[in-house]
Amino acid sequence: MEAVVMEGAVKRFRVMALVAGVMSLLLWFVYVPVKAFSSNPDVHSSLVWIPMVHGYLYPIYVITAIQLSVQARWSLPKMLGFILAGTLPVASIVAERKVVKLFPTKK
């Protein structure tokens, strides 16, 4: 039973880490430069969904990181590292790769 619970936590974390990573990349490398350097309001208004979606998805990423950390019985600093990985572009993707190495999928 515990292996099934752990497998579910890993899958949820992997999905949310990849989604949060992509949204973070879009936020930092598409939305922020357009907002800072573009004077065209139409371009900005077409991208306003990016920070909104990122804002809704990041708490879900945090919850999945906490759930995985609790299930894996990781220390608080390691848990915080995985949570904070969602704040930097690409860091959550790197965290996802570390989880894959720690918990390889069974085929």
PDB file of N, CA and C in Angstrom:
ATOM      1  N   MET A   1       0.822  -1.204   0.000  1.00  0.00           N
ATOM      2  CA  MET A   1       0.000   0.000   0.000  1.00  0.00           C
ATOM      3  C   MET A   1       0.860   1.258   0.000  1.00  0.00           C
ATOM      4  N   GLU A   2       1.925   1.259   0.798  1.00  0.00           N
ATOM      5  CA  GLU A   2       2.777   2.439   0.897  1.00  0.00           C
ATOM      6  C   GLU A   2       3.471   2.751  -0.426  1.00  0.00           C
ATOM      7  N   ALA A   3       3.851   1.714  -1.174  1.00  0.00           N
ATOM      8  CA  ALA A   3       4.500   1.926  -2.472  1.00  0.00           C
ATOM      9  C   ALA A   3       3.536   2.584  -3.454  1.00  0.00           C
ATOM     10  N   VAL A   4       2.270   2.217  -3.388  1.00  0.00           N
ATOM     11  CA  VAL A   4       1.264   2.812  -4.277  1.00  0.00           C
ATOM     12  C   VAL A   4       1.077   4.288  -3.938  1.00  0.00           C
ATOM     13  N   VAL A   5       1.030   4.610  -2.655  1.00  0.00           N
ATOM     14  CA  VAL A   5       0.885   5.997  -2.219  1.00  0.00           C
ATOM     15  C   VAL A   5       2.093   6.808  -2.656  1.00  0.00           C
ATOM     16  N   MET A   6       3.283   6.245  -2.501  1.00  0.00           N
ATOM     17  CA  MET A   6       4.502   6.944  -2.900  1.00  0.00           C
ATOM     18  C   MET A   6       4.534   7.155  -4.405  1.00  0.00           C
ATOM     19  N   GLU A   7       4.117   6.138  -5.166  1.00  0.00           N
ATOM     20  CA  GLU A   7       4.101   6.255  -6.621  1.00  0.00           C
ATOM     21  C   GLU A   7       3.158   7.374  -7.059  1.00  0.00           C
ATOM     22  N   GLY A   8       2.016   7.481  -6.408  1.00  0.00           N
ATOM     23  CA  GLY A   8       1.071   8.557  -6.723  1.00  0.00           C
ATOM     24  C   GLY A   8       1.634   9.926  -6.396  1.00  0.00           C
ATOM     25  N   ALA A   9       2.309  10.044  -5.257  1.00  0.00           N
ATOM     26  CA  ALA A   9       2.907  11.317  -4.869  1.00  0.00           C
ATOM     27  C   ALA A   9       4.002  11.731  -5.851  1.00  0.00           C
ATOM     28  N   VAL A  10       4.779  10.754  -6.301  1.00  0.00           N
ATOM     29  CA  VAL A  10       5.847  11.041  -7.275  1.00  0.00           C
ATOM     30  C   VAL A  10       5.241  11.506  -8.592  1.00  0.00           C
ATOM     31  N   LYS A  11       4.207  10.824  -9.059  1.00  0.00           N
ATOM     32  CA  LYS A  11       3.567  11.216 -10.325  1.00  0.00           C
ATOM     33  C   LYS A  11       2.991  12.619 -10.238  1.00  0.00           C
ATOM     34  N   ARG A  12       2.296  12.907  -9.142  1.00  0.00           N
ATOM     35  CA  ARG A  12       1.716  14.243  -8.980  1.00  0.00           C
ATOM     36  C   ARG A  12       2.801  15.305  -8.941  1.00  0.00           C
ATOM     37  N   PHE A  13       3.879  15.035  -8.209  1.00  0.00           N
ATOM     38  CA  PHE A  13       4.963  16.011  -8.143  1.00  0.00           C
ATOM     39  C   PHE A  13       5.599  16.212  -9.513  1.00  0.00           C
ATOM     40  N   ARG A  14       5.826  15.130 -10.246  1.00  0.00           N
ATOM     41  CA  ARG A  14       6.450  15.244 -11.564  1.00  0.00           C
ATOM     42  C   ARG A  14       5.614  16.116 -12.495  1.00  0.00           C
ATOM     43  N   VAL A  15       4.319  15.874 -12.519  1.00  0.00           N
ATOM     44  CA  VAL A  15       3.438  16.663 -13.387  1.00  0.00           C
ATOM     45  C   VAL A  15       3.470  18.133 -12.984  1.00  0.00           C
ATOM     46  N   MET A  16       3.303  18.395 -11.693  1.00  0.00           N
ATOM     47  CA  MET A  16       3.263  19.787 -11.252  1.00  0.00           C
ATOM     48  C   MET A  16       4.619  20.473 -11.388  1.00  0.00           C
ATOM     49  N   ALA A  17       5.718  19.748 -11.217  1.00  0.00           N
ATOM     50  CA  ALA A  17       7.037  20.352 -11.390  1.00  0.00           C
ATOM     51  C   ALA A  17       7.255  20.777 -12.833  1.00  0.00           C
ATOM     52  N   LEU A  18       6.844  19.944 -13.768  1.00  0.00           N
ATOM     53  CA  LEU A  18       6.996  20.297 -15.180  1.00  0.00           C
ATOM     54  C   LEU A  18       6.069  21.447 -15.567  1.00  0.00           C
ATOM     55  N   VAL A  19       4.835  21.408 -15.111  1.00  0.00           N
ATOM     56  CA  VAL A  19       3.901  22.487 -15.428  1.00  0.00           C
ATOM     57  C   VAL A  19       4.369  23.800 -14.795  1.00  0.00           C
ATOM     58  N   ALA A  20       4.773  23.756 -13.530  1.00  0.00           N
ATOM     59  CA  ALA A  20       5.257  24.964 -12.855  1.00  0.00           C
ATOM     60  C   ALA A  20       6.530  25.482 -13.516  1.00  0.00           C
ATOM     61  N   GLY A  21       7.396  24.585 -13.966  1.00  0.00           N
ATOM     62  CA  GLY A  21       8.616  24.999 -14.646  1.00  0.00           C
ATOM     63  C   GLY A  21       8.333  25.703 -15.958  1.00  0.00           C
ATOM     64  N   VAL A  22       7.426  25.159 -16.741  1.00  0.00           N
ATOM     65  CA  VAL A  22       7.058  25.793 -18.010  1.00  0.00           C
ATOM     66  C   VAL A  22       6.401  27.150 -17.756  1.00  0.00           C
ATOM     67  N   MET A  23       5.507  27.205 -16.783  1.00  0.00           N
ATOM     68  CA  MET A  23       4.847  28.477 -16.476  1.00  0.00           C
ATOM     69  C   MET A  23       5.844  29.511 -15.950  1.00  0.00           C
ATOM     70  N   SER A  24       6.813  29.068 -15.181  1.00  0.00           N
ATOM     71  CA  SER A  24       7.846  29.977 -14.684  1.00  0.00           C
ATOM     72  C   SER A  24       8.700  30.517 -15.832  1.00  0.00           C
ATOM     73  N   LEU A  25       9.037  29.642 -16.767  1.00  0.00           N
ATOM     74  CA  LEU A  25       9.784  30.093 -17.946  1.00  0.00           C
ATOM     75  C   LEU A  25       8.987  31.109 -18.758  1.00  0.00           C
ATOM     76  N   LEU A  26       7.704  30.838 -18.955  1.00  0.00           N
ATOM     77  CA  LEU A  26       6.855  31.790 -19.675  1.00  0.00           C
ATOM     78  C   LEU A  26       6.760  33.115 -18.928  1.00  0.00           C
ATOM     79  N   LEU A  27       6.635  33.043 -17.627  1.00  0.00           N
ATOM     80  CA  LEU A  27       6.522  34.264 -16.822  1.00  0.00           C
ATOM     81  C   LEU A  27       7.778  35.116 -16.931  1.00  0.00           C
ATOM     82  N   TRP A  28       8.931  34.500 -16.695  1.00  0.00           N
ATOM     83  CA  TRP A  28      10.181  35.261 -16.645  1.00  0.00           C
ATOM     84  C   TRP A  28      10.729  35.656 -18.010  1.00  0.00           C
ATOM     85  N   PHE A  29      10.523  34.824 -19.022  1.00  0.00           N
ATOM     86  CA  PHE A  29      11.169  35.092 -20.306  1.00  0.00           C
ATOM     87  C   PHE A  29      10.217  35.528 -21.415  1.00  0.00           C
ATOM     88  N   VAL A  30       8.922  35.573 -21.128  1.00  0.00           N
ATOM     89  CA  VAL A  30       7.964  36.094 -22.108  1.00  0.00           C
ATOM     90  C   VAL A  30       7.216  37.283 -21.505  1.00  0.00           C
ATOM     91  N   TYR A  31       6.486  37.039 -20.415  1.00  0.00           N
ATOM     92  CA  TYR A  31       5.629  38.078 -19.855  1.00  0.00           C
ATOM     93  C   TYR A  31       6.410  39.273 -19.304  1.00  0.00           C
ATOM     94  N   VAL A  32       7.406  39.013 -18.467  1.00  0.00           N
ATOM     95  CA  VAL A  32       8.145  40.111 -17.830  1.00  0.00           C
ATOM     96  C   VAL A  32       8.858  40.992 -18.868  1.00  0.00           C
ATOM     97  N   PRO A  33       9.572  40.434 -19.848  1.00  0.00           N
ATOM     98  CA  PRO A  33      10.184  41.315 -20.852  1.00  0.00           C
ATOM     99  C   PRO A  33       9.163  42.113 -21.670  1.00  0.00           C
ATOM    100  N   VAL A  34       8.044  41.481 -22.024  1.00  0.00           N
ATOM    101  CA  VAL A  34       7.013  42.212 -22.779  1.00  0.00           C
ATOM    102  C   VAL A  34       6.456  43.345 -21.933  1.00  0.00           C
ATOM    103  N   LYS A  35       6.166  43.065 -20.674  1.00  0.00           N
ATOM    104  CA  LYS A  35       5.628  44.104 -19.788  1.00  0.00           C
ATOM    105  C   LYS A  35       6.637  45.231 -19.587  1.00  0.00           C
ATOM    106  N   ALA A  36       7.919  44.886 -19.482  1.00  0.00           N
ATOM    107  CA  ALA A  36       8.944  45.898 -19.220  1.00  0.00           C
ATOM    108  C   ALA A  36       9.310  46.717 -20.451  1.00  0.00           C
ATOM    109  N   PHE A  37       9.338  46.084 -21.606  1.00  0.00           N
ATOM    110  CA  PHE A  37       9.902  46.756 -22.772  1.00  0.00           C
ATOM    111  C   PHE A  37       8.915  47.065 -23.885  1.00  0.00           C
ATOM    112  N   SER A  38       7.709  46.558 -23.809  1.00  0.00           N
ATOM    113  CA  SER A  38       6.752  46.795 -24.884  1.00  0.00           C
ATOM    114  C   SER A  38       5.809  47.928 -24.507  1.00  0.00           C
ATOM    115  N   SER A  39       5.609  48.824 -25.446  1.00  0.00           N
ATOM    116  CA  SER A  39       4.661  49.913 -25.218  1.00  0.00           C
ATOM    117  C   SER A  39       3.310  49.609 -25.870  1.00  0.00           C
ATOM    118  N   ASN A  40       3.199  48.433 -26.474  1.00  0.00           N
ATOM    119  CA  ASN A  40       1.964  48.039 -27.136  1.00  0.00           C
ATOM    120  C   ASN A  40       1.044  47.350 -26.127  1.00  0.00           C
ATOM    121  N   PRO A  41      -0.061  47.992 -25.755  1.00  0.00           N
ATOM    122  CA  PRO A  41      -0.949  47.382 -24.753  1.00  0.00           C
ATOM    123  C   PRO A  41      -1.637  46.109 -25.249  1.00  0.00           C
ATOM    124  N   ASP A  42      -1.792  45.965 -26.553  1.00  0.00           N
ATOM    125  CA  ASP A  42      -2.425  44.755 -27.077  1.00  0.00           C
ATOM    126  C   ASP A  42      -1.566  43.518 -26.824  1.00  0.00           C
ATOM    127  N   VAL A  43      -0.257  43.669 -26.971  1.00  0.00           N
ATOM    128  CA  VAL A  43       0.651  42.546 -26.718  1.00  0.00           C
ATOM    129  C   VAL A  43       0.592  42.173 -25.245  1.00  0.00           C
ATOM    130  N   HIS A  44       0.653  43.183 -24.396  1.00  0.00           N
ATOM    131  CA  HIS A  44       0.596  42.921 -22.954  1.00  0.00           C
ATOM    132  C   HIS A  44      -0.718  42.259 -22.566  1.00  0.00           C
ATOM    133  N   SER A  45      -1.828  42.747 -23.079  1.00  0.00           N
ATOM    134  CA  SER A  45      -3.124  42.182 -22.703  1.00  0.00           C
ATOM    135  C   SER A  45      -3.306  40.755 -23.223  1.00  0.00           C
ATOM    136  N   SER A  46      -2.604  40.403 -24.297  1.00  0.00           N
ATOM    137  CA  SER A  46      -2.712  39.022 -24.792  1.00  0.00           C
ATOM    138  C   SER A  46      -1.901  38.046 -23.946  1.00  0.00           C
ATOM    139  N   LEU A  47      -1.013  38.557 -23.127  1.00  0.00           N
ATOM    140  CA  LEU A  47      -0.171  37.688 -22.282  1.00  0.00           C
ATOM    141  C   LEU A  47      -0.527  37.754 -20.802  1.00  0.00           C
ATOM    142  N   VAL A  48      -1.563  38.489 -20.454  1.00  0.00           N
ATOM    143  CA  VAL A  48      -1.895  38.677 -19.044  1.00  0.00           C
ATOM    144  C   VAL A  48      -2.310  37.364 -18.369  1.00  0.00           C
ATOM    145  N   TRP A  49      -2.662  36.366 -19.125  1.00  0.00           N
ATOM    146  CA  TRP A  49      -3.053  35.064 -18.560  1.00  0.00           C
ATOM    147  C   TRP A  49      -1.868  34.342 -17.923  1.00  0.00           C
ATOM    148  N   ILE A  50      -0.642  34.633 -18.367  1.00  0.00           N
ATOM    149  CA  ILE A  50       0.530  33.899 -17.877  1.00  0.00           C
ATOM    150  C   ILE A  50       0.718  34.061 -16.365  1.00  0.00           C
ATOM    151  N   PRO A  51       0.788  35.280 -15.822  1.00  0.00           N
ATOM    152  CA  PRO A  51       0.962  35.367 -14.361  1.00  0.00           C
ATOM    153  C   PRO A  51      -0.252  34.859 -13.585  1.00  0.00           C
ATOM    154  N   MET A  52      -1.424  34.969 -14.179  1.00  0.00           N
ATOM    155  CA  MET A  52      -2.615  34.472 -13.487  1.00  0.00           C
ATOM    156  C   MET A  52      -2.576  32.955 -13.359  1.00  0.00           C
ATOM    157  N   VAL A  53      -2.268  32.273 -14.444  1.00  0.00           N
ATOM    158  CA  VAL A  53      -2.192  30.808 -14.405  1.00  0.00           C
ATOM    159  C   VAL A  53      -1.051  30.368 -13.489  1.00  0.00           C
ATOM    160  N   HIS A  54       0.093  31.036 -13.599  1.00  0.00           N
ATOM    161  CA  HIS A  54       1.229  30.700 -12.728  1.00  0.00           C
ATOM    162  C   HIS A  54       0.846  30.879 -11.264  1.00  0.00           C
ATOM    163  N   GLY A  55       0.129  31.938 -10.957  1.00  0.00           N
ATOM    164  CA  GLY A  55      -0.288  32.197  -9.582  1.00  0.00           C
ATOM    165  C   GLY A  55      -1.231  31.139  -9.030  1.00  0.00           C
ATOM    166  N   TYR A  56      -2.072  30.575  -9.879  1.00  0.00           N
ATOM    167  CA  TYR A  56      -2.970  29.509  -9.436  1.00  0.00           C
ATOM    168  C   TYR A  56      -2.252  28.167  -9.325  1.00  0.00           C
ATOM    169  N   LEU A  57      -1.279  27.923 -10.199  1.00  0.00           N
ATOM    170  CA  LEU A  57      -0.618  26.619 -10.223  1.00  0.00           C
ATOM    171  C   LEU A  57       0.502  26.476  -9.198  1.00  0.00           C
ATOM    172  N   TYR A  58       1.174  27.572  -8.850  1.00  0.00           N
ATOM    173  CA  TYR A  58       2.288  27.468  -7.907  1.00  0.00           C
ATOM    174  C   TYR A  58       1.859  26.905  -6.546  1.00  0.00           C
ATOM    175  N   PRO A  59       0.744  27.337  -5.962  1.00  0.00           N
ATOM    176  CA  PRO A  59       0.338  26.713  -4.680  1.00  0.00           C
ATOM    177  C   PRO A  59       0.077  25.210  -4.808  1.00  0.00           C
ATOM    178  N   ILE A  60      -0.425  24.783  -5.952  1.00  0.00           N
ATOM    179  CA  ILE A  60      -0.633  23.345  -6.156  1.00  0.00           C
ATOM    180  C   ILE A  60       0.710  22.631  -6.211  1.00  0.00           C
ATOM    181  N   TYR A  61       1.696  23.258  -6.862  1.00  0.00           N
ATOM    182  CA  TYR A  61       3.050  22.700  -6.875  1.00  0.00           C
ATOM    183  C   TYR A  61       3.589  22.585  -5.446  1.00  0.00           C
ATOM    184  N   VAL A  62       3.395  23.623  -4.648  1.00  0.00           N
ATOM    185  CA  VAL A  62       3.881  23.609  -3.254  1.00  0.00           C
ATOM    186  C   VAL A  62       3.233  22.462  -2.476  1.00  0.00           C
ATOM    187  N   ILE A  63       1.942  22.280  -2.651  1.00  0.00           N
ATOM    188  CA  ILE A  63       1.241  21.195  -1.949  1.00  0.00           C
ATOM    189  C   ILE A  63       1.786  19.831  -2.373  1.00  0.00           C
ATOM    190  N   THR A  64       2.021  19.651  -3.680  1.00  0.00           N
ATOM    191  CA  THR A  64       2.548  18.355  -4.132  1.00  0.00           C
ATOM    192  C   THR A  64       3.979  18.138  -3.640  1.00  0.00           C
ATOM    193  N   ALA A  65       4.766  19.212  -3.557  1.00  0.00           N
ATOM    194  CA  ALA A  65       6.129  19.083  -3.032  1.00  0.00           C
ATOM    195  C   ALA A  65       6.106  18.711  -1.550  1.00  0.00           C
ATOM    196  N   ILE A  66       5.200  19.321  -0.804  1.00  0.00           N
ATOM    197  CA  ILE A  66       5.065  18.982   0.620  1.00  0.00           C
ATOM    198  C   ILE A  66       4.604  17.543   0.777  1.00  0.00           C
ATOM    199  N   GLN A  67       3.617  17.149  -0.011  1.00  0.00           N
ATOM    200  CA  GLN A  67       3.107  15.778   0.074  1.00  0.00           C
ATOM    201  C   GLN A  67       4.212  14.762  -0.232  1.00  0.00           C
ATOM    202  N   LEU A  68       4.972  15.000  -1.297  1.00  0.00           N
ATOM    203  CA  LEU A  68       6.066  14.094  -1.646  1.00  0.00           C
ATOM    204  C   LEU A  68       7.108  14.054  -0.532  1.00  0.00           C
ATOM    205  N   SER A  69       7.450  15.202   0.012  1.00  0.00           N
ATOM    206  CA  SER A  69       8.461  15.270   1.068  1.00  0.00           C
ATOM    207  C   SER A  69       8.019  14.528   2.323  1.00  0.00           C
ATOM    208  N   VAL A  70       6.758  14.652   2.672  1.00  0.00           N
ATOM    209  CA  VAL A  70       6.242  13.955   3.851  1.00  0.00           C
ATOM    210  C   VAL A  70       6.222  12.451   3.604  1.00  0.00           C
ATOM    211  N   GLN A  71       5.747  12.038   2.424  1.00  0.00           N
ATOM    212  CA  GLN A  71       5.707  10.611   2.106  1.00  0.00           C
ATOM    213  C   GLN A  71       7.108  10.002   2.082  1.00  0.00           C
ATOM    214  N   ALA A  72       8.086  10.760   1.557  1.00  0.00           N
ATOM    215  CA  ALA A  72       9.458  10.262   1.474  1.00  0.00           C
ATOM    216  C   ALA A  72      10.222  10.438   2.789  1.00  0.00           C
ATOM    217  N   ARG A  73       9.605  11.132   3.744  1.00  0.00           N
ATOM    218  CA  ARG A  73      10.212  11.402   5.054  1.00  0.00           C
ATOM    219  C   ARG A  73      11.533  12.154   4.929  1.00  0.00           C
ATOM    220  N   TRP A  74      11.493  13.190   4.099  1.00  0.00           N
ATOM    221  CA  TRP A  74      12.670  14.032   3.916  1.00  0.00           C
ATOM    222  C   TRP A  74      12.752  15.056   5.039  1.00  0.00           C
ATOM    223  N   SER A  75      13.946  15.598   5.235  1.00  0.00           N
ATOM    224  CA  SER A  75      14.155  16.619   6.254  1.00  0.00           C
ATOM    225  C   SER A  75      13.503  17.936   5.806  1.00  0.00           C
ATOM    226  N   LEU A  76      13.304  18.826   6.761  1.00  0.00           N
ATOM    227  CA  LEU A  76      12.702  20.124   6.468  1.00  0.00           C
ATOM    228  C   LEU A  76      13.531  20.933   5.458  1.00  0.00           C
ATOM    229  N   PRO A  77      14.863  20.994   5.587  1.00  0.00           N
ATOM    230  CA  PRO A  77      15.635  21.740   4.576  1.00  0.00           C
ATOM    231  C   PRO A  77      15.474  21.175   3.154  1.00  0.00           C
ATOM    232  N   LYS A  78      15.408  19.862   3.038  1.00  0.00           N
ATOM    233  CA  LYS A  78      15.221  19.266   1.710  1.00  0.00           C
ATOM    234  C   LYS A  78      13.830  19.594   1.187  1.00  0.00           C
ATOM    235  N   MET A  79      12.829  19.546   2.066  1.00  0.00           N
ATOM    236  CA  MET A  79      11.469  19.903   1.677  1.00  0.00           C
ATOM    237  C   MET A  79      11.421  21.355   1.195  1.00  0.00           C
ATOM    238  N   LEU A  80      12.038  22.256   1.947  1.00  0.00           N
ATOM    239  CA  LEU A  80      12.054  23.663   1.553  1.00  0.00           C
ATOM    240  C   LEU A  80      12.780  23.871   0.228  1.00  0.00           C
ATOM    241  N   GLY A  81      13.828  23.099  -0.005  1.00  0.00           N
ATOM    242  CA  GLY A  81      14.538  23.185  -1.280  1.00  0.00           C
ATOM    243  C   GLY A  81      13.647  22.818  -2.450  1.00  0.00           C
ATOM    244  N   PHE A  82      12.853  21.773  -2.274  1.00  0.00           N
ATOM    245  CA  PHE A  82      11.938  21.370  -3.344  1.00  0.00           C
ATOM    246  C   PHE A  82      10.811  22.386  -3.521  1.00  0.00           C
ATOM    247  N   ILE A  83      10.353  22.973  -2.442  1.00  0.00           N
ATOM    248  CA  ILE A  83       9.319  24.004  -2.548  1.00  0.00           C
ATOM    249  C   ILE A  83       9.873  25.229  -3.254  1.00  0.00           C
ATOM    250  N   LEU A  84      11.051  25.675  -2.852  1.00  0.00           N
ATOM    251  CA  LEU A  84      11.642  26.869  -3.453  1.00  0.00           C
ATOM    252  C   LEU A  84      12.089  26.647  -4.898  1.00  0.00           C
ATOM    253  N   ALA A  85      12.258  25.402  -5.283  1.00  0.00           N
ATOM    254  CA  ALA A  85      12.625  25.120  -6.673  1.00  0.00           C
ATOM    255  C   ALA A  85      11.555  25.621  -7.633  1.00  0.00           C
ATOM    256  N   GLY A  86      10.340  25.744  -7.171  1.00  0.00           N
ATOM    257  CA  GLY A  86       9.267  26.249  -8.020  1.00  0.00           C
ATOM    258  C   GLY A  86       9.320  27.740  -8.256  1.00  0.00           C
ATOM    259  N   THR A  87      10.202  28.451  -7.564  1.00  0.00           N
ATOM    260  CA  THR A  87      10.275  29.905  -7.718  1.00  0.00           C
ATOM    261  C   THR A  87      11.262  30.327  -8.798  1.00  0.00           C
ATOM    262  N   LEU A  88      12.147  29.446  -9.189  1.00  0.00           N
ATOM    263  CA  LEU A  88      13.161  29.788 -10.195  1.00  0.00           C
ATOM    264  C   LEU A  88      12.886  29.062 -11.506  1.00  0.00           C
ATOM    265  N   PRO A  89      13.073  29.755 -12.614  1.00  0.00           N
ATOM    266  CA  PRO A  89      12.899  29.058 -13.894  1.00  0.00           C
ATOM    267  C   PRO A  89      13.861  27.879 -13.982  1.00  0.00           C
ATOM    268  N   VAL A  90      13.409  26.796 -14.450  1.00  0.00           N
ATOM    269  CA  VAL A  90      14.138  25.547 -14.679  1.00  0.00           C
ATOM    270  C   VAL A  90      14.417  24.763 -13.390  1.00  0.00           C
ATOM    271  N   ALA A  91      14.421  25.398 -12.232  1.00  0.00           N
ATOM    272  CA  ALA A  91      14.758  24.689 -10.989  1.00  0.00           C
ATOM    273  C   ALA A  91      13.757  23.581 -10.670  1.00  0.00           C
ATOM    274  N   SER A  92      12.482  23.804 -10.942  1.00  0.00           N
ATOM    275  CA  SER A  92      11.511  22.749 -10.663  1.00  0.00           C
ATOM    276  C   SER A  92      11.692  21.575 -11.620  1.00  0.00           C
ATOM    277  N   ILE A  93      12.156  21.855 -12.829  1.00  0.00           N
ATOM    278  CA  ILE A  93      12.430  20.777 -13.783  1.00  0.00           C
ATOM    279  C   ILE A  93      13.641  19.971 -13.316  1.00  0.00           C
ATOM    280  N   VAL A  94      14.629  20.653 -12.777  1.00  0.00           N
ATOM    281  CA  VAL A  94      15.798  19.965 -12.214  1.00  0.00           C
ATOM    282  C   VAL A  94      15.370  19.126 -11.005  1.00  0.00           C
ATOM    283  N   ALA A  95      14.497  19.666 -10.171  1.00  0.00           N
ATOM    284  CA  ALA A  95      13.990  18.915  -9.013  1.00  0.00           C
ATOM    285  C   ALA A  95      13.224  17.685  -9.472  1.00  0.00           C
ATOM    286  N   GLU A  96      12.458  17.816 -10.537  1.00  0.00           N
ATOM    287  CA  GLU A  96      11.713  16.675 -11.071  1.00  0.00           C
ATOM    288  C   GLU A  96      12.668  15.578 -11.526  1.00  0.00           C
ATOM    289  N   ARG A  97      13.749  15.955 -12.169  1.00  0.00           N
ATOM    290  CA  ARG A  97      14.754  14.972 -12.614  1.00  0.00           C
ATOM    291  C   ARG A  97      15.397  14.276 -11.415  1.00  0.00           C
ATOM    292  N   LYS A  98      15.631  15.001 -10.325  1.00  0.00           N
ATOM    293  CA  LYS A  98      16.198  14.383  -9.116  1.00  0.00           C
ATOM    294  C   LYS A  98      15.232  13.362  -8.518  1.00  0.00           C
ATOM    295  N   VAL A  99      13.959  13.696  -8.540  1.00  0.00           N
ATOM    296  CA  VAL A  99      12.949  12.769  -8.016  1.00  0.00           C
ATOM    297  C   VAL A  99      12.898  11.511  -8.876  1.00  0.00           C
ATOM    298  N   VAL A 100      13.004  11.665 -10.188  1.00  0.00           N
ATOM    299  CA  VAL A 100      13.010  10.497 -11.091  1.00  0.00           C
ATOM    300  C   VAL A 100      14.186   9.579 -10.764  1.00  0.00           C
ATOM    301  N   LYS A 101      15.337  10.158 -10.458  1.00  0.00           N
ATOM    302  CA  LYS A 101      16.506   9.342 -10.114  1.00  0.00           C
ATOM    303  C   LYS A 101      16.321   8.649  -8.758  1.00  0.00           C
ATOM    304  N   LEU A 102      15.667   9.347  -7.808  1.00  0.00           N
ATOM    305  CA  LEU A 102      15.452   8.763  -6.491  1.00  0.00           C
ATOM    306  C   LEU A 102      14.375   7.678  -6.501  1.00  0.00           C
ATOM    307  N   PHE A 103      13.354   7.873  -7.328  1.00  0.00           N
ATOM    308  CA  PHE A 103      12.234   6.940  -7.396  1.00  0.00           C
ATOM    309  C   PHE A 103      11.982   6.523  -8.836  1.00  0.00           C
ATOM    310  N   PRO A 104      12.789   5.628  -9.366  1.00  0.00           N
ATOM    311  CA  PRO A 104      12.585   5.201 -10.753  1.00  0.00           C
ATOM    312  C   PRO A 104      11.243   4.490 -10.899  1.00  0.00           C
ATOM    313  N   THR A 105      10.615   4.700 -12.049  1.00  0.00           N
ATOM    314  CA  THR A 105       9.321   4.056 -12.297  1.00  0.00           C
ATOM    315  C   THR A 105       9.515   2.596 -12.645  1.00  0.00           C
ATOM    316  N   LYS A 106       8.544   1.800 -12.250  1.00  0.00           N
ATOM    317  CA  LYS A 106       8.595   0.365 -12.544  1.00  0.00           C
ATOM    318  C   LYS A 106       7.810   0.111 -13.804  1.00  0.00           C
ATOM    319  N   LYS A 107       8.429  -0.597 -14.731  1.00  0.00           N
ATOM    320  CA  LYS A 107       7.742  -0.901 -15.990  1.00  0.00           C
ATOM    321  C   LYS A 107       7.533  -2.374 -16.139  1.00  0.00           C
TER     322      LYS A 107
END
